[in-house]
Amino acid sequence: MIDLRLIREDPDTVRASQRARGESAEAVDTLRAADESRRSVVLRFEQLRSEQKSLGKRIPKATGPEREQLMARTKELAAEVKRAESAVAEAETTLQQAQLAIPNVVQPDVPPGGEDDYVVLREVGEKPELEKVRDHLELGEGLRAIDMERGAKVSGARFYFLTGIGAQLQLALLTMAADQAIDHGFTLMTTPSVVRPEIMAGTGFLGSHAPEVYKLEADDLYLVGTSEVALAGYHSDEIIDLSKGPVRYAGWSSCYRREAGSYGKDTRGIIRVHQFDKLEMFSYARPEEAAAEHDRLVAWEEEMLSKVELPYRVIDTAAGDLGSSAARKYDCEAWLPSQNRWLELTSTSNCTTFQARRLNIRYRDENGKPQTAATLNGTLATTRWIVAILENHQQPDGSVRVPKALQSYLGGREVLTPVAG
């Protein structure tokens, strides 16, 4: 939720943000009108209430005709106050709807445009030169690590089993990510997979992302697509202590996504699935510290990618490809040899005060006054990483070399060997 002060004082910045996202700039005028209307009806309500209170003090002292006039006016006022109170409630609803319709204001140097208008910031590592390229599913089936057929039999398309070394590889990867997060001062957490509607809405996932979210209708709860949602809600309606710097959590969770609108895209293997596990970084920070914290999150993601020895690039996502909560987002993409393209493995977003304003998360400034916090999030490891690890470290015989940093998490294994039969 954007700050109404920005709408009042600098609407052109919000209009420019809307245009950069490919959204309607007219929504800004709608919000300004709703804000002005609300302030007008609130003022009218307060004036009537003030008069009502004043008359209430005069009536006990009045006598005769004056008292009769005061009583008549009091009766009229009661009806007017009731109507004004109803008008305030209606204006509040209209204002909230208009405010929720506008996504976060993108930062000025975010590239404009859509999905293909990103800017590559850097490319790290060498792409492997492979004699024969097998894709991750062929490799995973050879290792008896991935079973898509039985996943579909049990749960439907885009579900899978990680079996044997596949399950061990995921646990090893996420455990290494958890250890790194702890080393950098994050508090490790396992988080709920279901959240209340106000928490899901507060993080911005019931806007343009709503079709991707699973809802449990009978319970009026939502399955999370990332532990970001639960971690954002963790301090909702609280004042947190940011006097010593950002507060950081690392959430380990299963994640669920409907993948609406992605029919026919990445249907083979475990690239785009309905359920996966993820280790997510989440930071609460003062707004003025958010940009620096964003850079730190990217650096920690790159540290993990280096540990698993993957060639990758970092992109600055264009405004039209940002989620509604993000003011800026960097993606780290690993090379995918089987498709000769880059594959997104991590995203990290600076959501500025957008989520915290919705969820009423505040901190105290140097004067002790409550202020809205900033929130940030970033992927540190997820099931999809297995795709890139298998493909980039494959060997001619179908075995897979284990990155050195990961070996101790896999019982010292240096190579994953195909299973015969």
Protein backbone atom coordinates (compact mmCIF):
# COMPACT_ATOMS: atom_id res chain seq x y z
CA MET A 1 0.00 0.00 0.00
CA ILE A 2 1.52 3.28 -1.07
CA ASP A 3 1.86 6.28 1.24
CA LEU A 4 -1.02 8.73 0.78
CA ARG A 5 1.36 11.59 1.47
CA LEU A 6 3.16 10.72 -1.78
CA ILE A 7 -0.11 10.86 -3.67
CA ARG A 8 -0.86 14.29 -2.21
CA GLU A 9 2.62 15.81 -2.50
CA ASP A 10 4.15 14.14 -5.56
CA PRO A 11 1.52 12.42 -7.71
CA ASP A 12 3.68 12.72 -10.83
CA THR A 13 6.17 10.21 -9.38
CA VAL A 14 3.38 7.70 -8.90
CA ARG A 15 2.03 8.37 -12.39
CA ALA A 16 5.51 7.78 -13.84
CA SER A 17 5.74 4.52 -11.89
CA GLN A 18 2.38 3.40 -13.24
CA ARG A 19 3.45 4.15 -16.81
CA ALA A 20 6.76 2.30 -16.31
CA ARG A 21 4.80 -0.75 -15.13
CA GLY A 22 2.40 -0.50 -18.05
CA GLU A 23 -0.42 0.34 -15.64
CA SER A 24 -3.02 3.09 -15.82
CA ALA A 25 -1.90 6.50 -14.59
CA GLU A 26 -5.58 7.39 -14.16
CA ALA A 27 -5.62 5.20 -11.05
CA VAL A 28 -3.58 7.92 -9.37
CA ASP A 29 -6.29 10.50 -10.04
CA THR A 30 -8.92 8.06 -8.77
CA LEU A 31 -6.98 7.65 -5.54
CA ARG A 32 -6.44 11.40 -5.15
CA ALA A 33 -10.18 11.99 -5.59
CA ALA A 34 -11.00 9.26 -3.07
CA ASP A 35 -8.53 10.75 -0.59
CA GLU A 36 -9.98 14.25 -0.96
CA SER A 37 -13.53 12.91 -0.67
CA ARG A 38 -12.70 11.02 2.50
CA ARG A 39 -11.04 14.02 4.10
CA SER A 40 -14.08 16.13 3.20
CA VAL A 41 -16.64 13.76 4.72
CA VAL A 42 -14.47 13.20 7.81
CA LEU A 43 -14.30 16.98 8.32
CA ARG A 44 -18.07 17.22 7.97
CA PHE A 45 -18.55 14.39 10.46
CA GLU A 46 -16.20 15.99 12.97
CA GLN A 47 -17.95 19.35 12.66
CA LEU A 48 -21.34 17.76 13.32
CA ARG A 49 -20.01 15.77 16.26
CA SER A 50 -18.46 18.93 17.70
CA GLU A 51 -21.79 20.74 17.43
CA GLN A 52 -23.56 17.76 18.95
CA LYS A 53 -21.23 17.75 21.95
CA SER A 54 -21.58 21.51 22.37
CA LEU A 55 -25.37 21.27 22.40
CA GLY A 56 -25.18 18.40 24.84
CA LYS A 57 -23.46 20.73 27.30
CA ARG A 58 -25.92 23.60 26.77
CA ILE A 59 -29.18 21.67 27.12
CA PRO A 60 -28.99 21.04 30.91
CA LYS A 61 -28.63 24.80 31.50
CA ALA A 62 -31.32 25.89 29.03
CA THR A 63 -34.98 26.52 29.85
CA GLY A 64 -38.21 27.32 28.04
CA PRO A 65 -38.15 28.02 24.29
CA GLU A 66 -34.37 27.90 24.13
CA ARG A 67 -34.39 24.37 25.50
CA GLU A 68 -37.06 23.33 23.01
CA GLN A 69 -34.97 24.74 20.13
CA LEU A 70 -31.85 22.99 21.38
CA MET A 71 -33.70 19.69 21.74
CA ALA A 72 -35.07 19.99 18.20
CA ARG A 73 -31.64 20.78 16.80
CA THR A 74 -30.17 17.87 18.77
CA LYS A 75 -32.67 15.53 17.14
CA GLU A 76 -31.78 16.86 13.70
CA LEU A 77 -28.08 16.53 14.48
CA ALA A 78 -28.45 12.91 15.54
CA ALA A 79 -29.80 12.06 12.10
CA GLU A 80 -27.13 14.15 10.35
CA VAL A 81 -24.35 12.57 12.40
CA LYS A 82 -25.66 9.12 11.54
CA ARG A 83 -25.68 9.95 7.83
CA ALA A 84 -22.22 11.54 8.06
CA GLU A 85 -20.87 8.47 9.88
CA SER A 86 -22.23 6.25 7.11
CA ALA A 87 -20.63 8.55 4.51
CA VAL A 88 -17.27 8.25 6.28
CA ALA A 89 -17.48 4.45 6.26
CA GLU A 90 -18.32 4.46 2.57
CA ALA A 91 -15.50 6.89 1.80
CA GLU A 92 -13.03 4.75 3.78
CA THR A 93 -13.99 1.70 1.72
CA THR A 94 -13.66 3.61 -1.55
CA LEU A 95 -10.30 5.00 -0.48
CA GLN A 96 -8.98 1.59 0.53
CA GLN A 97 -10.04 0.04 -2.78
CA ALA A 98 -8.39 2.85 -4.72
CA GLN A 99 -5.23 2.58 -2.63
CA LEU A 100 -5.02 -1.19 -3.04
CA ALA A 101 -5.38 -0.82 -6.81
CA ILE A 102 -1.98 0.90 -7.12
CA PRO A 103 1.17 -1.26 -6.88
CA ASN A 104 4.35 -0.13 -5.17
CA VAL A 105 6.17 2.83 -6.68
CA VAL A 106 9.14 1.56 -8.66
CA GLN A 107 12.53 3.07 -7.98
CA PRO A 108 13.62 5.71 -10.53
CA ASP A 109 16.42 3.70 -12.16
CA VAL A 110 14.44 0.48 -12.62
CA PRO A 111 14.34 -0.40 -16.34
CA PRO A 112 10.96 0.39 -17.92
CA GLY A 113 9.12 -2.19 -19.99
CA GLY A 114 8.03 -5.81 -19.68
CA GLU A 115 9.42 -9.30 -19.15
CA ASP A 116 12.06 -9.04 -21.87
CA ASP A 117 13.29 -5.55 -20.99
CA TYR A 118 15.54 -6.51 -18.06
CA VAL A 119 19.13 -5.26 -17.81
CA VAL A 120 21.97 -7.72 -17.26
CA LEU A 121 24.14 -6.41 -14.42
CA ARG A 122 26.83 -9.09 -14.48
CA GLU A 123 27.58 -12.61 -15.66
CA VAL A 124 29.70 -14.91 -13.49
CA GLY A 125 31.37 -18.24 -14.24
CA GLU A 126 31.99 -20.30 -17.36
CA LYS A 127 29.29 -22.27 -19.11
CA PRO A 128 30.22 -25.97 -19.20
CA GLU A 129 31.41 -27.56 -22.43
CA LEU A 130 29.56 -30.86 -22.59
CA GLU A 131 30.13 -33.73 -25.04
CA LYS A 132 26.56 -34.95 -24.62
CA VAL A 133 23.85 -32.89 -22.99
CA ARG A 134 21.23 -34.69 -20.92
CA ASP A 135 18.44 -32.69 -19.33
CA HIS A 136 17.82 -32.78 -15.59
CA LEU A 137 14.96 -35.27 -15.84
CA GLU A 138 16.97 -37.82 -17.82
CA LEU A 139 19.82 -37.41 -15.34
CA GLY A 140 17.48 -37.52 -12.34
CA GLU A 141 15.74 -40.65 -13.54
CA GLY A 142 19.11 -42.29 -14.15
CA LEU A 143 20.12 -41.47 -10.58
CA ARG A 144 16.70 -42.66 -9.31
CA ALA A 145 16.38 -39.15 -7.89
CA ILE A 146 13.19 -37.88 -9.57
CA ASP A 147 9.93 -39.75 -10.24
CA MET A 148 7.49 -37.66 -12.24
CA GLU A 149 5.29 -40.55 -13.35
CA ARG A 150 4.27 -41.56 -9.85
CA GLY A 151 3.98 -37.91 -8.81
CA ALA A 152 1.34 -37.47 -11.53
CA LYS A 153 -0.34 -40.73 -10.57
CA VAL A 154 -0.68 -39.65 -6.95
CA SER A 155 -1.33 -35.90 -7.27
CA GLY A 156 -1.70 -34.94 -10.93
CA ALA A 157 0.40 -33.04 -13.44
CA ARG A 158 3.36 -30.99 -12.20
CA PHE A 159 3.77 -33.02 -9.02
CA TYR A 160 6.72 -35.35 -8.42
CA PHE A 161 8.61 -37.46 -5.93
CA LEU A 162 12.22 -36.76 -5.02
CA THR A 163 13.58 -40.20 -4.18
CA GLY A 164 16.79 -41.52 -2.70
CA ILE A 165 19.67 -39.24 -3.59
CA GLY A 166 17.21 -36.68 -4.98
CA ALA A 167 15.61 -36.19 -1.58
CA GLN A 168 19.06 -36.15 0.03
CA LEU A 169 20.28 -33.57 -2.47
CA GLN A 170 17.40 -31.22 -1.67
CA LEU A 171 17.94 -31.58 2.07
CA ALA A 172 21.68 -31.02 1.62
CA LEU A 173 21.13 -27.90 -0.48
CA LEU A 174 18.60 -26.34 1.88
CA THR A 175 20.66 -27.23 4.94
CA MET A 176 23.73 -25.58 3.43
CA ALA A 177 21.60 -22.51 2.70
CA ALA A 178 20.28 -22.51 6.26
CA ASP A 179 23.80 -22.74 7.66
CA GLN A 180 24.90 -19.81 5.51
CA ALA A 181 21.91 -17.75 6.60
CA ILE A 182 22.64 -18.44 10.27
CA ASP A 183 26.30 -17.49 9.73
CA HIS A 184 25.12 -14.12 8.38
CA GLY A 185 22.90 -13.39 11.35
CA PHE A 186 19.53 -14.69 10.18
CA THR A 187 17.20 -16.43 12.62
CA LEU A 188 16.21 -19.77 11.10
CA MET A 189 12.47 -20.51 11.13
CA THR A 190 10.09 -23.15 9.85
CA THR A 191 6.91 -21.36 8.87
CA PRO A 192 3.20 -22.17 8.44
CA SER A 193 2.09 -23.23 4.99
CA VAL A 194 -1.36 -21.69 5.42
CA VAL A 195 -2.17 -18.07 6.24
CA ARG A 196 -5.21 -15.91 6.87
CA PRO A 197 -6.62 -13.77 4.04
CA GLU A 198 -5.47 -10.51 5.63
CA ILE A 199 -1.87 -11.75 5.70
CA MET A 200 -1.95 -12.93 2.08
CA ALA A 201 -3.54 -9.65 1.02
CA GLY A 202 -1.09 -7.67 3.14
CA THR A 203 1.88 -9.03 1.24
CA GLY A 204 0.30 -8.16 -2.11
CA PHE A 205 -0.33 -11.68 -3.41
CA LEU A 206 -4.08 -11.29 -3.86
CA GLY A 207 -3.72 -8.73 -6.62
CA SER A 208 -2.30 -9.74 -9.98
CA HIS A 209 -0.88 -12.93 -8.41
CA ALA A 210 -4.24 -14.15 -7.07
CA PRO A 211 -4.74 -16.75 -9.85
CA GLU A 212 -1.51 -18.47 -8.75
CA VAL A 213 -2.63 -18.89 -5.13
CA TYR A 214 -4.33 -21.99 -3.76
CA LYS A 215 -7.29 -21.21 -1.49
CA LEU A 216 -8.80 -23.56 1.09
CA GLU A 217 -12.39 -22.42 0.70
CA ALA A 218 -13.80 -24.42 3.62
CA ASP A 219 -11.36 -22.79 6.05
CA ASP A 220 -10.95 -19.36 4.41
CA LEU A 221 -7.18 -19.85 4.39
CA TYR A 222 -4.52 -19.69 1.68
CA LEU A 223 -1.57 -21.96 0.90
CA VAL A 224 1.61 -19.89 0.68
CA GLY A 225 3.70 -19.74 -2.48
CA THR A 226 6.68 -18.57 -0.43
CA SER A 227 7.51 -18.26 3.26
CA GLU A 228 7.82 -14.53 2.57
CA VAL A 229 4.09 -14.35 3.26
CA ALA A 230 4.26 -15.92 6.71
CA LEU A 231 7.43 -14.02 7.62
CA ALA A 232 5.85 -10.71 6.59
CA GLY A 233 2.86 -11.50 8.77
CA TYR A 234 5.04 -12.54 11.71
CA HIS A 235 5.33 -8.96 13.01
CA SER A 236 1.98 -7.63 11.73
CA ASP A 237 0.42 -5.03 14.07
CA GLU A 238 3.70 -4.77 16.00
CA ILE A 239 6.40 -2.19 16.65
CA ILE A 240 9.78 -3.88 16.18
CA ASP A 241 13.23 -2.84 17.33
CA LEU A 242 15.42 -1.78 14.40
CA SER A 243 17.81 0.31 16.48
CA LYS A 244 20.64 -2.17 15.90
CA GLY A 245 20.01 -2.64 12.19
CA PRO A 246 17.80 -4.90 10.08
CA VAL A 247 16.00 -7.86 11.65
CA ARG A 248 16.53 -10.95 9.49
CA TYR A 249 14.72 -14.28 9.27
CA ALA A 250 15.34 -17.32 7.07
CA GLY A 251 12.16 -19.31 6.48
CA TRP A 252 12.23 -22.99 5.46
CA SER A 253 8.90 -24.06 4.01
CA SER A 254 7.02 -26.03 1.43
CA CYS A 255 5.50 -23.72 -1.17
CA TYR A 256 2.43 -24.13 -3.38
CA ARG A 257 1.62 -22.42 -6.66
CA ARG A 258 -1.17 -23.07 -9.12
CA GLU A 259 1.03 -21.89 -12.01
CA ALA A 260 -2.05 -20.40 -13.65
CA GLY A 261 -1.41 -19.18 -17.16
CA SER A 262 1.72 -21.30 -17.63
CA TYR A 263 0.09 -24.16 -19.53
CA GLY A 264 2.58 -25.79 -21.88
CA LYS A 265 5.53 -23.93 -20.37
CA ASP A 266 8.35 -25.92 -18.72
CA THR A 267 6.12 -28.96 -18.36
CA ARG A 268 9.00 -31.45 -18.39
CA GLY A 269 10.66 -32.22 -15.09
CA ILE A 270 10.72 -30.06 -11.97
CA ILE A 271 11.31 -26.59 -13.39
CA ARG A 272 7.75 -25.33 -12.98
CA VAL A 273 5.77 -27.36 -10.45
CA HIS A 274 2.91 -26.93 -8.00
CA GLN A 275 4.86 -27.79 -4.84
CA PHE A 276 8.48 -27.24 -3.88
CA ASP A 277 10.65 -26.45 -0.87
CA LYS A 278 12.48 -23.19 -0.36
CA LEU A 279 14.77 -21.35 2.04
CA GLU A 280 13.75 -17.69 1.92
CA MET A 281 15.56 -14.71 3.41
CA PHE A 282 13.38 -11.95 4.84
CA SER A 283 14.49 -8.61 6.28
CA TYR A 284 12.80 -5.82 8.19
CA ALA A 285 14.73 -2.57 7.86
CA ARG A 286 14.45 1.18 8.17
CA PRO A 287 13.41 2.63 4.80
CA GLU A 288 16.70 4.49 4.39
CA GLU A 289 18.61 1.21 4.91
CA ALA A 290 16.53 -0.85 2.47
CA ALA A 291 18.61 -0.30 -0.69
CA ALA A 292 21.82 -1.38 1.05
CA GLU A 293 20.03 -4.39 2.54
CA HIS A 294 18.81 -5.30 -0.94
CA ASP A 295 22.39 -5.37 -2.19
CA ARG A 296 23.37 -7.60 0.74
CA LEU A 297 20.60 -10.09 -0.08
CA VAL A 298 21.81 -10.33 -3.68
CA ALA A 299 25.38 -10.88 -2.48
CA TRP A 300 24.26 -13.73 -0.21
CA GLU A 301 22.39 -15.32 -3.10
CA GLU A 302 25.50 -15.08 -5.25
CA GLU A 303 27.53 -16.62 -2.44
CA MET A 304 25.25 -19.68 -2.51
CA LEU A 305 25.40 -19.91 -6.31
CA SER A 306 29.20 -19.83 -6.12
CA LYS A 307 29.18 -22.62 -3.54
CA VAL A 308 27.31 -24.92 -5.91
CA GLU A 309 29.63 -23.79 -8.74
CA LEU A 310 26.98 -22.64 -11.19
CA PRO A 311 27.49 -20.15 -14.02
CA TYR A 312 24.92 -17.41 -13.48
CA ARG A 313 23.94 -13.88 -14.31
CA VAL A 314 22.21 -11.15 -12.29
CA ILE A 315 19.45 -9.13 -13.95
CA ASP A 316 17.66 -5.94 -12.96
CA THR A 317 14.01 -6.80 -13.63
CA ALA A 318 11.98 -4.33 -15.68
CA ALA A 319 9.13 -2.43 -14.07
CA GLY A 320 6.39 -4.25 -15.94
CA ASP A 321 7.66 -7.62 -14.67
CA LEU A 322 7.71 -6.64 -10.99
CA GLY A 323 5.21 -8.02 -8.53
CA SER A 324 2.82 -5.47 -7.08
CA SER A 325 4.78 -5.23 -3.81
CA ALA A 326 8.25 -4.78 -5.27
CA ALA A 327 9.85 -1.42 -5.93
CA ARG A 328 12.87 -3.22 -7.40
CA LYS A 329 13.79 -6.84 -8.03
CA TYR A 330 17.03 -8.59 -8.95
CA ASP A 331 17.00 -12.14 -10.31
CA CYS A 332 19.90 -14.57 -10.39
CA GLU A 333 19.66 -16.95 -13.35
CA ALA A 334 21.77 -20.08 -13.81
CA TRP A 335 22.76 -21.49 -17.17
CA LEU A 336 20.57 -24.40 -18.36
CA PRO A 337 22.63 -26.46 -20.84
CA SER A 338 19.76 -28.63 -22.11
CA GLN A 339 17.77 -25.61 -23.25
CA ASN A 340 20.68 -23.29 -24.00
CA ARG A 341 19.13 -20.53 -21.90
CA TRP A 342 19.17 -18.90 -18.50
CA LEU A 343 16.89 -20.22 -15.75
CA GLU A 344 15.76 -18.09 -12.82
CA LEU A 345 16.94 -19.56 -9.50
CA THR A 346 16.57 -16.63 -7.15
CA SER A 347 14.64 -13.39 -6.85
CA THR A 348 15.19 -10.69 -4.29
CA SER A 349 12.80 -7.77 -3.90
CA ASN A 350 12.90 -4.46 -2.09
CA CYS A 351 9.27 -3.89 -1.10
CA THR A 352 10.06 -0.60 0.68
CA THR A 353 7.16 0.24 3.04
CA PHE A 354 4.44 -1.23 0.80
CA GLN A 355 3.82 -4.49 2.70
CA ALA A 356 4.51 -3.08 6.14
CA ARG A 357 1.97 -0.30 5.67
CA ARG A 358 -0.70 -2.88 4.85
CA LEU A 359 0.31 -5.10 7.75
CA ASN A 360 0.89 -2.23 10.21
CA ILE A 361 4.53 -3.08 10.96
CA ARG A 362 6.41 -0.19 12.52
CA TYR A 363 9.59 0.76 14.33
CA ARG A 364 10.53 3.75 16.48
CA ASP A 365 12.75 6.45 15.02
CA GLU A 366 15.45 8.33 16.94
CA ASN A 367 12.73 10.48 18.52
CA GLY A 368 10.70 7.49 19.63
CA LYS A 369 8.00 8.12 17.05
CA PRO A 370 6.52 5.07 15.29
CA GLN A 371 7.37 4.86 11.57
CA THR A 372 6.52 2.31 8.88
CA ALA A 373 9.25 -0.28 8.32
CA ALA A 374 10.58 -1.56 5.00
CA THR A 375 10.52 -5.26 4.07
CA LEU A 376 12.75 -7.22 1.71
CA ASN A 377 12.92 -10.84 0.62
CA GLY A 378 15.23 -13.12 -1.34
CA THR A 379 15.55 -16.79 -2.28
CA LEU A 380 18.59 -18.59 -0.88
CA ALA A 381 17.86 -22.08 -2.22
CA THR A 382 14.93 -23.99 -3.65
CA THR A 383 14.01 -27.27 -5.33
CA ARG A 384 14.59 -25.76 -8.78
CA TRP A 385 18.30 -25.47 -8.02
CA ILE A 386 18.52 -29.25 -8.45
CA VAL A 387 17.79 -28.72 -12.16
CA ALA A 388 20.83 -26.50 -12.64
CA ILE A 389 23.11 -28.58 -10.41
CA LEU A 390 22.37 -31.81 -12.28
CA GLU A 391 22.73 -30.28 -15.73
CA ASN A 392 25.84 -28.18 -15.19
CA HIS A 393 27.76 -30.88 -13.30
CA GLN A 394 26.76 -33.85 -15.46
CA GLN A 395 29.43 -36.17 -16.81
CA PRO A 396 29.44 -38.24 -20.03
CA ASP A 397 28.35 -41.45 -18.31
CA GLY A 398 25.27 -39.83 -16.75
CA SER A 399 26.85 -39.34 -13.33
CA VAL A 400 26.87 -35.94 -11.66
CA ARG A 401 29.78 -34.28 -9.91
CA VAL A 402 28.94 -32.92 -6.45
CA PRO A 403 30.17 -29.33 -5.87
CA LYS A 404 32.89 -29.35 -3.22
CA ALA A 405 30.98 -27.15 -0.75
CA LEU A 406 28.02 -29.52 -0.90
CA GLN A 407 29.94 -32.75 -0.43
CA SER A 408 29.99 -32.69 3.37
CA TYR A 409 26.20 -32.31 3.36
CA LEU A 410 25.93 -35.49 1.27
CA GLY A 411 28.05 -37.74 3.46
CA GLY A 412 31.24 -36.91 1.60
CA ARG A 413 29.96 -38.01 -1.82
CA GLU A 414 31.98 -36.56 -4.67
CA VAL A 415 29.92 -38.08 -7.48
CA LEU A 416 26.30 -39.16 -7.85
CA THR A 417 26.28 -42.38 -9.85
CA PRO A 418 23.45 -43.75 -12.03
CA VAL A 419 21.55 -46.71 -10.61
CA ALA A 420 21.57 -49.80 -12.80
CA GLY A 421 18.37 -51.63 -13.73
